[in-house]
Amino acid sequence: MLVTDCEMTGLEPTLHSIVSVGAVDLSDPTRQLYEECRMWDGAKVEDEALAVNGFTLEQITDPTKQTEGELVHKFIAFAEPMA
């Protein structure tokens, strides 16, 4: 079983972006993933979401961070052995 936690810029996936993903493989808790990314261009940002997840606007728009797509590919690669 894979336990996953995502932090986002809001609750609506068509408007808001992922900014971090954490995951733990419960069958082997030493297998863990934590990745952060910048939000996608044009994503809406809710101040309430930032208050909950602790990220700043500067952190979620940092151009040196990976894209959301790159983060998702890493998550898929992490999860694939469990399929």
C-alpha atoms as a PDB file:
ATOM      1  CA  MET A   1       0.000   0.000   0.000  1.00  0.00           C
ATOM      2  CA  LEU A   2       1.256   3.453  -0.912  1.00  0.00           C
ATOM      3  CA  VAL A   3       0.423   6.383   1.353  1.00  0.00           C
ATOM      4  CA  THR A   4       0.657   9.744  -0.400  1.00  0.00           C
ATOM      5  CA  ASP A   5       0.404  13.369   0.713  1.00  0.00           C
ATOM      6  CA  CYS A   6       0.221  16.247  -1.750  1.00  0.00           C
ATOM      7  CA  GLU A   7       0.539  19.934  -1.033  1.00  0.00           C
ATOM      8  CA  MET A   8      -1.116  22.182  -3.576  1.00  0.00           C
ATOM      9  CA  THR A   9      -1.912  25.827  -4.279  1.00  0.00           C
ATOM     10  CA  GLY A  10      -5.615  25.070  -3.724  1.00  0.00           C
ATOM     11  CA  LEU A  11      -8.191  22.300  -3.943  1.00  0.00           C
ATOM     12  CA  GLU A  12      -9.320  22.385  -7.590  1.00  0.00           C
ATOM     13  CA  PRO A  13      -6.989  20.317  -9.820  1.00  0.00           C
ATOM     14  CA  THR A  14      -7.935  22.210 -12.978  1.00  0.00           C
ATOM     15  CA  LEU A  15      -7.038  25.570 -11.383  1.00  0.00           C
ATOM     16  CA  HIS A  16      -4.384  24.763  -8.778  1.00  0.00           C
ATOM     17  CA  SER A  17      -0.928  23.188  -8.951  1.00  0.00           C
ATOM     18  CA  ILE A  18       0.905  20.538  -6.974  1.00  0.00           C
ATOM     19  CA  VAL A  19       3.877  21.997  -5.052  1.00  0.00           C
ATOM     20  CA  SER A  20       5.045  18.866  -3.208  1.00  0.00           C
ATOM     21  CA  VAL A  21       4.413  15.147  -2.945  1.00  0.00           C
ATOM     22  CA  GLY A  22       5.408  12.781  -0.173  1.00  0.00           C
ATOM     23  CA  ALA A  23       4.898   9.015  -0.296  1.00  0.00           C
ATOM     24  CA  VAL A  24       5.681   5.964   1.846  1.00  0.00           C
ATOM     25  CA  ASP A  25       5.483   2.306   0.825  1.00  0.00           C
ATOM     26  CA  LEU A  26       3.777   0.705   3.839  1.00  0.00           C
ATOM     27  CA  SER A  27       5.065  -2.753   2.915  1.00  0.00           C
ATOM     28  CA  ASP A  28       8.619  -1.326   3.149  1.00  0.00           C
ATOM     29  CA  PRO A  29       8.611   1.972   5.089  1.00  0.00           C
ATOM     30  CA  THR A  30      12.254   2.562   4.197  1.00  0.00           C
ATOM     31  CA  ARG A  31      11.009   3.306   0.630  1.00  0.00           C
ATOM     32  CA  GLN A  32      10.054   6.943   0.780  1.00  0.00           C
ATOM     33  CA  LEU A  33       9.686   9.800  -1.678  1.00  0.00           C
ATOM     34  CA  TYR A  34       9.582  13.539  -1.102  1.00  0.00           C
ATOM     35  CA  GLU A  35       9.707  15.965  -4.019  1.00  0.00           C
ATOM     36  CA  GLU A  36       8.926  19.658  -4.460  1.00  0.00           C
ATOM     37  CA  CYS A  37       8.214  21.554  -7.662  1.00  0.00           C
ATOM     38  CA  ARG A  38       7.310  24.985  -8.904  1.00  0.00           C
ATOM     39  CA  MET A  39       3.680  25.624  -9.764  1.00  0.00           C
ATOM     40  CA  TRP A  40       2.657  25.519 -13.415  1.00  0.00           C
ATOM     41  CA  ASP A  41       2.387  28.846 -15.223  1.00  0.00           C
ATOM     42  CA  GLY A  42      -1.085  30.303 -14.748  1.00  0.00           C
ATOM     43  CA  ALA A  43      -2.040  28.176 -11.750  1.00  0.00           C
ATOM     44  CA  LYS A  44      -4.248  29.926  -9.227  1.00  0.00           C
ATOM     45  CA  VAL A  45      -2.837  30.370  -5.718  1.00  0.00           C
ATOM     46  CA  GLU A  46      -5.065  30.487  -2.649  1.00  0.00           C
ATOM     47  CA  ASP A  47      -3.615  32.320   0.360  1.00  0.00           C
ATOM     48  CA  GLU A  48      -5.416  29.821   2.597  1.00  0.00           C
ATOM     49  CA  ALA A  49      -3.601  26.920   0.911  1.00  0.00           C
ATOM     50  CA  LEU A  50      -0.215  28.548   1.495  1.00  0.00           C
ATOM     51  CA  ALA A  51      -1.141  29.147   5.138  1.00  0.00           C
ATOM     52  CA  VAL A  52      -1.860  25.418   5.508  1.00  0.00           C
ATOM     53  CA  ASN A  53       1.076  23.993   3.523  1.00  0.00           C
ATOM     54  CA  GLY A  54       3.680  26.504   4.713  1.00  0.00           C
ATOM     55  CA  PHE A  55       5.088  27.360   1.282  1.00  0.00           C
ATOM     56  CA  THR A  56       5.711  30.950   0.201  1.00  0.00           C
ATOM     57  CA  LEU A  57       4.930  32.428  -3.206  1.00  0.00           C
ATOM     58  CA  GLU A  58       8.678  32.704  -3.800  1.00  0.00           C
ATOM     59  CA  GLN A  59       9.161  28.986  -3.091  1.00  0.00           C
ATOM     60  CA  ILE A  60       6.364  27.815  -5.376  1.00  0.00           C
ATOM     61  CA  THR A  61       7.486  30.030  -8.276  1.00  0.00           C
ATOM     62  CA  ASP A  62      11.226  29.280  -7.937  1.00  0.00           C
ATOM     63  CA  PRO A  63      12.415  28.680 -11.530  1.00  0.00           C
ATOM     64  CA  THR A  64      15.228  26.405 -10.309  1.00  0.00           C
ATOM     65  CA  LYS A  65      12.718  23.838  -8.999  1.00  0.00           C
ATOM     66  CA  GLN A  66      11.533  21.003 -11.219  1.00  0.00           C
ATOM     67  CA  THR A  67       8.234  21.282 -13.063  1.00  0.00           C
ATOM     68  CA  GLU A  68       5.047  19.625 -11.860  1.00  0.00           C
ATOM     69  CA  GLY A  69       5.338  17.198 -14.801  1.00  0.00           C
ATOM     70  CA  GLU A  70       8.851  16.161 -13.764  1.00  0.00           C
ATOM     71  CA  LEU A  71       7.637  15.584 -10.201  1.00  0.00           C
ATOM     72  CA  VAL A  72       4.734  13.441 -11.432  1.00  0.00           C
ATOM     73  CA  HIS A  73       7.115  11.316 -13.532  1.00  0.00           C
ATOM     74  CA  LYS A  74       9.300  10.711 -10.447  1.00  0.00           C
ATOM     75  CA  PHE A  75       6.214   9.741  -8.436  1.00  0.00           C
ATOM     76  CA  ILE A  76       5.090   7.291 -11.122  1.00  0.00           C
ATOM     77  CA  ALA A  77       8.571   5.738 -11.254  1.00  0.00           C
ATOM     78  CA  PHE A  78       8.496   5.390  -7.449  1.00  0.00           C
ATOM     79  CA  ALA A  79       5.041   3.773  -7.472  1.00  0.00           C
ATOM     80  CA  GLU A  80       5.528   1.443 -10.479  1.00  0.00           C
ATOM     81  CA  PRO A  81       7.330  -1.382  -8.621  1.00  0.00           C
ATOM     82  CA  MET A  82       4.239  -1.744  -6.431  1.00  0.00           C
ATOM     83  CA  ALA A  83       1.929  -2.476  -9.373  1.00  0.00           C
END
